[in-house]
Amino acid sequence: CRHNTVRHLVFASSSSVYGLNVKMPFSTSDN
């Protein structure tokens, strides 16, 4: 993407990143 001027990269992350988080609902403002 860097070398070919792609205008938008959308990628799949996962709810698995929240791991031990306990505050619900999971928010992208959380660590």
PDB file of all heavy atoms in Angstrom:
ATOM      1  N   CYS A   1       0.835  -1.206   0.000  1.00  0.00           N
ATOM      2  CA  CYS A   1       0.000   0.000   0.000  1.00  0.00           C
ATOM      3  C   CYS A   1       0.869   1.255   0.000  1.00  0.00           C
ATOM      4  O   CYS A   1       0.576   2.233  -0.708  1.00  0.00           O
ATOM      5  CB  CYS A   1      -0.919   0.007   1.223  1.00  0.00           C
ATOM      6  SG  CYS A   1      -2.210  -1.245   1.208  1.00  0.00           S
ATOM      7  N   ARG A   2       1.929   1.226   0.787  1.00  0.00           N
ATOM      8  CA  ARG A   2       2.820   2.381   0.898  1.00  0.00           C
ATOM      9  C   ARG A   2       3.403   2.789  -0.452  1.00  0.00           C
ATOM     10  O   ARG A   2       3.490   3.978  -0.770  1.00  0.00           O
ATOM     11  CB  ARG A   2       3.948   2.043   1.874  1.00  0.00           C
ATOM     12  CG  ARG A   2       5.101   3.027   1.880  1.00  0.00           C
ATOM     13  CD  ARG A   2       6.295   2.455   2.628  1.00  0.00           C
ATOM     14  NE  ARG A   2       7.440   3.327   2.540  1.00  0.00           N
ATOM     15  CZ  ARG A   2       8.656   3.007   2.981  1.00  0.00           C
ATOM     16  NH1 ARG A   2       8.873   1.820   3.520  1.00  0.00           N
ATOM     17  NH2 ARG A   2       9.651   3.866   2.863  1.00  0.00           N
ATOM     18  N   HIS A   3       3.781   1.831  -1.245  1.00  0.00           N
ATOM     19  CA  HIS A   3       4.481   2.124  -2.493  1.00  0.00           C
ATOM     20  C   HIS A   3       3.554   2.261  -3.701  1.00  0.00           C
ATOM     21  O   HIS A   3       4.043   2.439  -4.824  1.00  0.00           O
ATOM     22  CB  HIS A   3       5.523   1.042  -2.770  1.00  0.00           C
ATOM     23  CG  HIS A   3       6.662   1.044  -1.788  1.00  0.00           C
ATOM     24  ND1 HIS A   3       7.593   2.060  -1.738  1.00  0.00           N
ATOM     25  CD2 HIS A   3       6.993   0.168  -0.806  1.00  0.00           C
ATOM     26  CE1 HIS A   3       8.476   1.799  -0.777  1.00  0.00           C
ATOM     27  NE2 HIS A   3       8.135   0.664  -0.189  1.00  0.00           N
ATOM     28  N   ASN A   4       2.237   2.173  -3.491  1.00  0.00           N
ATOM     29  CA  ASN A   4       1.324   2.213  -4.630  1.00  0.00           C
ATOM     30  C   ASN A   4       0.126   3.133  -4.424  1.00  0.00           C
ATOM     31  O   ASN A   4      -0.904   2.962  -5.061  1.00  0.00           O
ATOM     32  CB  ASN A   4       0.852   0.792  -4.964  1.00  0.00           C
ATOM     33  CG  ASN A   4       1.954  -0.052  -5.557  1.00  0.00           C
ATOM     34  OD1 ASN A   4       2.219   0.005  -6.750  1.00  0.00           O
ATOM     35  ND2 ASN A   4       2.613  -0.856  -4.718  1.00  0.00           N
ATOM     36  N   THR A   5       0.222   4.086  -3.546  1.00  0.00           N
ATOM     37  CA  THR A   5      -0.765   5.154  -3.374  1.00  0.00           C
ATOM     38  C   THR A   5      -2.193   4.626  -3.231  1.00  0.00           C
ATOM     39  O   THR A   5      -3.118   5.094  -3.890  1.00  0.00           O
ATOM     40  CB  THR A   5      -0.706   6.140  -4.568  1.00  0.00           C
ATOM     41  OG1 THR A   5       0.654   6.318  -4.969  1.00  0.00           O
ATOM     42  CG2 THR A   5      -1.273   7.505  -4.151  1.00  0.00           C
ATOM     43  N   VAL A   6      -2.352   3.630  -2.372  1.00  0.00           N
ATOM     44  CA  VAL A   6      -3.690   3.140  -2.050  1.00  0.00           C
ATOM     45  C   VAL A   6      -4.410   4.190  -1.209  1.00  0.00           C
ATOM     46  O   VAL A   6      -3.861   4.709  -0.227  1.00  0.00           O
ATOM     47  CB  VAL A   6      -3.604   1.799  -1.290  1.00  0.00           C
ATOM     48  CG1 VAL A   6      -4.969   1.390  -0.737  1.00  0.00           C
ATOM     49  CG2 VAL A   6      -3.056   0.715  -2.217  1.00  0.00           C
ATOM     50  N   ARG A   7      -5.645   4.511  -1.584  1.00  0.00           N
ATOM     51  CA  ARG A   7      -6.365   5.613  -0.933  1.00  0.00           C
ATOM     52  C   ARG A   7      -7.012   5.213   0.389  1.00  0.00           C
ATOM     53  O   ARG A   7      -7.344   6.076   1.201  1.00  0.00           O
ATOM     54  CB  ARG A   7      -7.420   6.182  -1.882  1.00  0.00           C
ATOM     55  CG  ARG A   7      -6.835   6.769  -3.165  1.00  0.00           C
ATOM     56  CD  ARG A   7      -7.754   7.819  -3.769  1.00  0.00           C
ATOM     57  NE  ARG A   7      -9.053   7.289  -4.132  1.00  0.00           N
ATOM     58  CZ  ARG A   7      -9.405   6.933  -5.370  1.00  0.00           C
ATOM     59  NH1 ARG A   7      -8.524   7.028  -6.354  1.00  0.00           N
ATOM     60  NH2 ARG A   7     -10.610   6.487  -5.617  1.00  0.00           N
ATOM     61  N   HIS A   8      -7.211   3.916   0.606  1.00  0.00           N
ATOM     62  CA  HIS A   8      -7.810   3.469   1.873  1.00  0.00           C
ATOM     63  C   HIS A   8      -7.501   1.993   2.077  1.00  0.00           C
ATOM     64  O   HIS A   8      -7.792   1.168   1.211  1.00  0.00           O
ATOM     65  CB  HIS A   8      -9.326   3.680   1.865  1.00  0.00           C
ATOM     66  CG  HIS A   8      -9.976   3.524   3.215  1.00  0.00           C
ATOM     67  ND1 HIS A   8     -11.343   3.496   3.372  1.00  0.00           N
ATOM     68  CD2 HIS A   8      -9.455   3.397   4.471  1.00  0.00           C
ATOM     69  CE1 HIS A   8     -11.635   3.363   4.655  1.00  0.00           C
ATOM     70  NE2 HIS A   8     -10.495   3.295   5.341  1.00  0.00           N
ATOM     71  N   LEU A   9      -6.907   1.680   3.223  1.00  0.00           N
ATOM     72  CA  LEU A   9      -6.698   0.296   3.642  1.00  0.00           C
ATOM     73  C   LEU A   9      -7.647   0.000   4.790  1.00  0.00           C
ATOM     74  O   LEU A   9      -7.606   0.675   5.834  1.00  0.00           O
ATOM     75  CB  LEU A   9      -5.247   0.078   4.091  1.00  0.00           C
ATOM     76  CG  LEU A   9      -4.960  -1.231   4.842  1.00  0.00           C
ATOM     77  CD1 LEU A   9      -5.243  -2.444   3.956  1.00  0.00           C
ATOM     78  CD2 LEU A   9      -3.536  -1.259   5.365  1.00  0.00           C
ATOM     79  N   VAL A  10      -8.511  -0.986   4.592  1.00  0.00           N
ATOM     80  CA  VAL A  10      -9.409  -1.459   5.641  1.00  0.00           C
ATOM     81  C   VAL A  10      -8.937  -2.862   6.018  1.00  0.00           C
ATOM     82  O   VAL A  10      -8.759  -3.709   5.144  1.00  0.00           O
ATOM     83  CB  VAL A  10     -10.872  -1.515   5.151  1.00  0.00           C
ATOM     84  CG1 VAL A  10     -11.787  -2.040   6.254  1.00  0.00           C
ATOM     85  CG2 VAL A  10     -11.332  -0.137   4.684  1.00  0.00           C
ATOM     86  N   PHE A  11      -8.722  -3.104   7.309  1.00  0.00           N
ATOM     87  CA  PHE A  11      -8.220  -4.426   7.692  1.00  0.00           C
ATOM     88  C   PHE A  11      -9.035  -5.002   8.839  1.00  0.00           C
ATOM     89  O   PHE A  11      -9.648  -4.284   9.628  1.00  0.00           O
ATOM     90  CB  PHE A  11      -6.736  -4.363   8.057  1.00  0.00           C
ATOM     91  CG  PHE A  11      -6.430  -3.689   9.370  1.00  0.00           C
ATOM     92  CD1 PHE A  11      -6.286  -4.424  10.542  1.00  0.00           C
ATOM     93  CD2 PHE A  11      -6.283  -2.306   9.441  1.00  0.00           C
ATOM     94  CE1 PHE A  11      -6.005  -3.802  11.750  1.00  0.00           C
ATOM     95  CE2 PHE A  11      -5.991  -1.672  10.642  1.00  0.00           C
ATOM     96  CZ  PHE A  11      -5.860  -2.428  11.801  1.00  0.00           C
ATOM     97  N   ALA A  12      -9.030  -6.334   8.901  1.00  0.00           N
ATOM     98  CA  ALA A  12      -9.781  -7.050   9.929  1.00  0.00           C
ATOM     99  C   ALA A  12      -8.954  -7.193  11.189  1.00  0.00           C
ATOM    100  O   ALA A  12      -7.904  -7.838  11.191  1.00  0.00           O
ATOM    101  CB  ALA A  12     -10.182  -8.437   9.409  1.00  0.00           C
ATOM    102  N   SER A  13      -9.427  -6.583  12.264  1.00  0.00           N
ATOM    103  CA  SER A  13      -8.909  -6.882  13.582  1.00  0.00           C
ATOM    104  C   SER A  13      -9.909  -7.838  14.244  1.00  0.00           C
ATOM    105  O   SER A  13     -10.648  -8.536  13.541  1.00  0.00           O
ATOM    106  CB  SER A  13      -8.703  -5.607  14.394  1.00  0.00           C
ATOM    107  OG  SER A  13      -8.063  -5.899  15.616  1.00  0.00           O
ATOM    108  N   SER A  14      -9.958  -7.875  15.544  1.00  0.00           N
ATOM    109  CA  SER A  14     -10.812  -8.864  16.205  1.00  0.00           C
ATOM    110  C   SER A  14     -11.160  -8.422  17.613  1.00  0.00           C
ATOM    111  O   SER A  14     -10.386  -7.715  18.278  1.00  0.00           O
ATOM    112  CB  SER A  14     -10.080 -10.215  16.262  1.00  0.00           C
ATOM    113  OG  SER A  14     -10.747 -11.126  17.117  1.00  0.00           O
ATOM    114  N   SER A  15     -12.309  -8.887  18.087  1.00  0.00           N
ATOM    115  CA  SER A  15     -12.678  -8.662  19.486  1.00  0.00           C
ATOM    116  C   SER A  15     -11.694  -9.343  20.429  1.00  0.00           C
ATOM    117  O   SER A  15     -11.642  -9.013  21.626  1.00  0.00           O
ATOM    118  CB  SER A  15     -14.094  -9.176  19.750  1.00  0.00           C
ATOM    119  OG  SER A  15     -14.178 -10.575  19.518  1.00  0.00           O
ATOM    120  N   SER A  16     -10.883 -10.272  19.910  1.00  0.00           N
ATOM    121  CA  SER A  16      -9.905 -10.971  20.751  1.00  0.00           C
ATOM    122  C   SER A  16      -8.865 -10.030  21.341  1.00  0.00           C
ATOM    123  O   SER A  16      -8.192 -10.379  22.317  1.00  0.00           O
ATOM    124  CB  SER A  16      -9.203 -12.066  19.944  1.00  0.00           C
ATOM    125  OG  SER A  16     -10.110 -13.086  19.580  1.00  0.00           O
ATOM    126  N   VAL A  17      -8.707  -8.831  20.766  1.00  0.00           N
ATOM    127  CA  VAL A  17      -7.717  -7.896  21.322  1.00  0.00           C
ATOM    128  C   VAL A  17      -8.113  -7.442  22.721  1.00  0.00           C
ATOM    129  O   VAL A  17      -7.254  -6.999  23.494  1.00  0.00           O
ATOM    130  CB  VAL A  17      -7.517  -6.658  20.410  1.00  0.00           C
ATOM    131  CG1 VAL A  17      -7.054  -7.071  19.026  1.00  0.00           C
ATOM    132  CG2 VAL A  17      -8.769  -5.798  20.346  1.00  0.00           C
ATOM    133  N   TYR A  18      -9.399  -7.554  23.082  1.00  0.00           N
ATOM    134  CA  TYR A  18      -9.841  -7.070  24.388  1.00  0.00           C
ATOM    135  C   TYR A  18      -9.378  -7.967  25.533  1.00  0.00           C
ATOM    136  O   TYR A  18      -9.266  -7.515  26.669  1.00  0.00           O
ATOM    137  CB  TYR A  18     -11.362  -6.902  24.404  1.00  0.00           C
ATOM    138  CG  TYR A  18     -11.818  -5.710  23.595  1.00  0.00           C
ATOM    139  CD1 TYR A  18     -12.358  -5.868  22.327  1.00  0.00           C
ATOM    140  CD2 TYR A  18     -11.675  -4.420  24.089  1.00  0.00           C
ATOM    141  CE1 TYR A  18     -12.758  -4.775  21.567  1.00  0.00           C
ATOM    142  CE2 TYR A  18     -12.067  -3.317  23.350  1.00  0.00           C
ATOM    143  CZ  TYR A  18     -12.605  -3.504  22.089  1.00  0.00           C
ATOM    144  OH  TYR A  18     -12.982  -2.411  21.345  1.00  0.00           O
ATOM    145  N   GLY A  19      -9.114  -9.240  25.260  1.00  0.00           N
ATOM    146  CA  GLY A  19      -8.492 -10.122  26.241  1.00  0.00           C
ATOM    147  C   GLY A  19      -9.102 -10.061  27.622  1.00  0.00           C
ATOM    148  O   GLY A  19     -10.262 -10.411  27.826  1.00  0.00           O
ATOM    149  N   LEU A  20      -8.319  -9.576  28.590  1.00  0.00           N
ATOM    150  CA  LEU A  20      -8.750  -9.559  29.983  1.00  0.00           C
ATOM    151  C   LEU A  20      -9.645  -8.365  30.336  1.00  0.00           C
ATOM    152  O   LEU A  20     -10.017  -8.213  31.504  1.00  0.00           O
ATOM    153  CB  LEU A  20      -7.521  -9.544  30.909  1.00  0.00           C
ATOM    154  CG  LEU A  20      -6.678 -10.825  30.927  1.00  0.00           C
ATOM    155  CD1 LEU A  20      -5.480 -10.656  31.854  1.00  0.00           C
ATOM    156  CD2 LEU A  20      -7.513 -12.028  31.358  1.00  0.00           C
ATOM    157  N   ASN A  21      -9.970  -7.523  29.369  1.00  0.00           N
ATOM    158  CA  ASN A  21     -10.868  -6.397  29.664  1.00  0.00           C
ATOM    159  C   ASN A  21     -12.172  -6.900  30.269  1.00  0.00           C
ATOM    160  O   ASN A  21     -12.741  -7.898  29.807  1.00  0.00           O
ATOM    161  CB  ASN A  21     -11.175  -5.603  28.397  1.00  0.00           C
ATOM    162  CG  ASN A  21      -9.992  -4.771  27.941  1.00  0.00           C
ATOM    163  OD1 ASN A  21      -8.849  -5.162  28.122  1.00  0.00           O
ATOM    164  ND2 ASN A  21     -10.268  -3.634  27.319  1.00  0.00           N
ATOM    165  N   VAL A  22     -12.667  -6.231  31.280  1.00  0.00           N
ATOM    166  CA  VAL A  22     -13.905  -6.652  31.946  1.00  0.00           C
ATOM    167  C   VAL A  22     -15.009  -5.612  31.836  1.00  0.00           C
ATOM    168  O   VAL A  22     -16.183  -5.918  32.064  1.00  0.00           O
ATOM    169  CB  VAL A  22     -13.652  -6.988  33.437  1.00  0.00           C
ATOM    170  CG1 VAL A  22     -12.754  -8.203  33.555  1.00  0.00           C
ATOM    171  CG2 VAL A  22     -13.053  -5.807  34.185  1.00  0.00           C
ATOM    172  N   LYS A  23     -14.670  -4.359  31.512  1.00  0.00           N
ATOM    173  CA  LYS A  23     -15.705  -3.336  31.374  1.00  0.00           C
ATOM    174  C   LYS A  23     -16.523  -3.598  30.121  1.00  0.00           C
ATOM    175  O   LYS A  23     -15.983  -3.793  29.038  1.00  0.00           O
ATOM    176  CB  LYS A  23     -15.068  -1.938  31.294  1.00  0.00           C
ATOM    177  CG  LYS A  23     -16.084  -0.806  31.204  1.00  0.00           C
ATOM    178  CD  LYS A  23     -15.421   0.550  31.278  1.00  0.00           C
ATOM    179  CE  LYS A  23     -14.706   0.902  29.979  1.00  0.00           C
ATOM    180  NZ  LYS A  23     -15.639   1.145  28.864  1.00  0.00           N
ATOM    181  N   MET A  24     -17.839  -3.656  30.273  1.00  0.00           N
ATOM    182  CA  MET A  24     -18.737  -3.925  29.153  1.00  0.00           C
ATOM    183  C   MET A  24     -19.623  -2.712  28.903  1.00  0.00           C
ATOM    184  O   MET A  24     -20.042  -2.043  29.852  1.00  0.00           O
ATOM    185  CB  MET A  24     -19.614  -5.146  29.450  1.00  0.00           C
ATOM    186  CG  MET A  24     -18.841  -6.440  29.616  1.00  0.00           C
ATOM    187  SD  MET A  24     -18.221  -7.011  28.033  1.00  0.00           S
ATOM    188  CE  MET A  24     -17.227  -8.420  28.539  1.00  0.00           C
ATOM    189  N   PRO A  25     -19.998  -2.434  27.646  1.00  0.00           N
ATOM    190  CA  PRO A  25     -19.497  -3.119  26.446  1.00  0.00           C
ATOM    191  C   PRO A  25     -18.059  -2.717  26.126  1.00  0.00           C
ATOM    192  O   PRO A  25     -17.580  -1.669  26.586  1.00  0.00           O
ATOM    193  CB  PRO A  25     -20.458  -2.640  25.357  1.00  0.00           C
ATOM    194  CG  PRO A  25     -20.885  -1.283  25.818  1.00  0.00           C
ATOM    195  CD  PRO A  25     -20.971  -1.376  27.311  1.00  0.00           C
ATOM    196  N   PHE A  26     -17.375  -3.540  25.330  1.00  0.00           N
ATOM    197  CA  PHE A  26     -16.023  -3.218  24.905  1.00  0.00           C
ATOM    198  C   PHE A  26     -16.043  -1.976  24.023  1.00  0.00           C
ATOM    199  O   PHE A  26     -16.824  -1.879  23.083  1.00  0.00           O
ATOM    200  CB  PHE A  26     -15.418  -4.373  24.102  1.00  0.00           C
ATOM    201  CG  PHE A  26     -15.147  -5.616  24.906  1.00  0.00           C
ATOM    202  CD1 PHE A  26     -15.185  -6.860  24.296  1.00  0.00           C
ATOM    203  CD2 PHE A  26     -14.829  -5.547  26.253  1.00  0.00           C
ATOM    204  CE1 PHE A  26     -14.918  -8.012  25.015  1.00  0.00           C
ATOM    205  CE2 PHE A  26     -14.564  -6.695  26.980  1.00  0.00           C
ATOM    206  CZ  PHE A  26     -14.608  -7.926  26.365  1.00  0.00           C
ATOM    207  N   SER A  27     -15.160  -1.040  24.326  1.00  0.00           N
ATOM    208  CA  SER A  27     -15.109   0.217  23.581  1.00  0.00           C
ATOM    209  C   SER A  27     -13.728   0.420  22.985  1.00  0.00           C
ATOM    210  O   SER A  27     -12.715   0.063  23.601  1.00  0.00           O
ATOM    211  CB  SER A  27     -15.450   1.387  24.504  1.00  0.00           C
ATOM    212  OG  SER A  27     -15.186   2.627  23.879  1.00  0.00           O
ATOM    213  N   THR A  28     -13.682   1.034  21.810  1.00  0.00           N
ATOM    214  CA  THR A  28     -12.391   1.322  21.180  1.00  0.00           C
ATOM    215  C   THR A  28     -11.625   2.405  21.934  1.00  0.00           C
ATOM    216  O   THR A  28     -10.451   2.633  21.655  1.00  0.00           O
ATOM    217  CB  THR A  28     -12.582   1.764  19.719  1.00  0.00           C
ATOM    218  OG1 THR A  28     -13.458   2.901  19.677  1.00  0.00           O
ATOM    219  CG2 THR A  28     -13.164   0.627  18.887  1.00  0.00           C
ATOM    220  N   SER A  29     -12.259   3.059  22.891  1.00  0.00           N
ATOM    221  CA  SER A  29     -11.554   4.034  23.720  1.00  0.00           C
ATOM    222  C   SER A  29     -10.861   3.371  24.908  1.00  0.00           C
ATOM    223  O   SER A  29     -10.142   4.033  25.656  1.00  0.00           O
ATOM    224  CB  SER A  29     -12.522   5.109  24.225  1.00  0.00           C
ATOM    225  OG  SER A  29     -13.500   4.542  25.070  1.00  0.00           O
ATOM    226  N   ASP A  30     -11.060   2.038  25.061  1.00  0.00           N
ATOM    227  CA  ASP A  30     -10.442   1.299  26.154  1.00  0.00           C
ATOM    228  C   ASP A  30      -9.039   0.833  25.771  1.00  0.00           C
ATOM    229  O   ASP A  30      -8.737   0.588  24.600  1.00  0.00           O
ATOM    230  CB  ASP A  30     -11.280   0.070  26.526  1.00  0.00           C
ATOM    231  CG  ASP A  30     -12.651   0.431  27.062  1.00  0.00           C
ATOM    232  OD1 ASP A  30     -12.797   1.553  27.581  1.00  0.00           O
ATOM    233  OD2 ASP A  30     -13.567  -0.407  26.953  1.00  0.00           O
ATOM    234  N   ASN A  31      -8.196   0.657  26.783  1.00  0.00           N
ATOM    235  CA  ASN A  31      -6.883   0.057  26.594  1.00  0.00           C
ATOM    236  C   ASN A  31      -7.033  -1.427  26.258  1.00  0.00           C
ATOM    237  O   ASN A  31      -7.880  -2.118  26.830  1.00  0.00           O
ATOM    238  CB  ASN A  31      -6.074   0.229  27.886  1.00  0.00           C
ATOM    239  CG  ASN A  31      -4.710  -0.431  27.817  1.00  0.00           C
ATOM    240  OD1 ASN A  31      -4.594  -1.643  27.907  1.00  0.00           O
ATOM    241  ND2 ASN A  31      -3.678   0.384  27.681  1.00  0.00           N
TER     242      ASN A  31
END
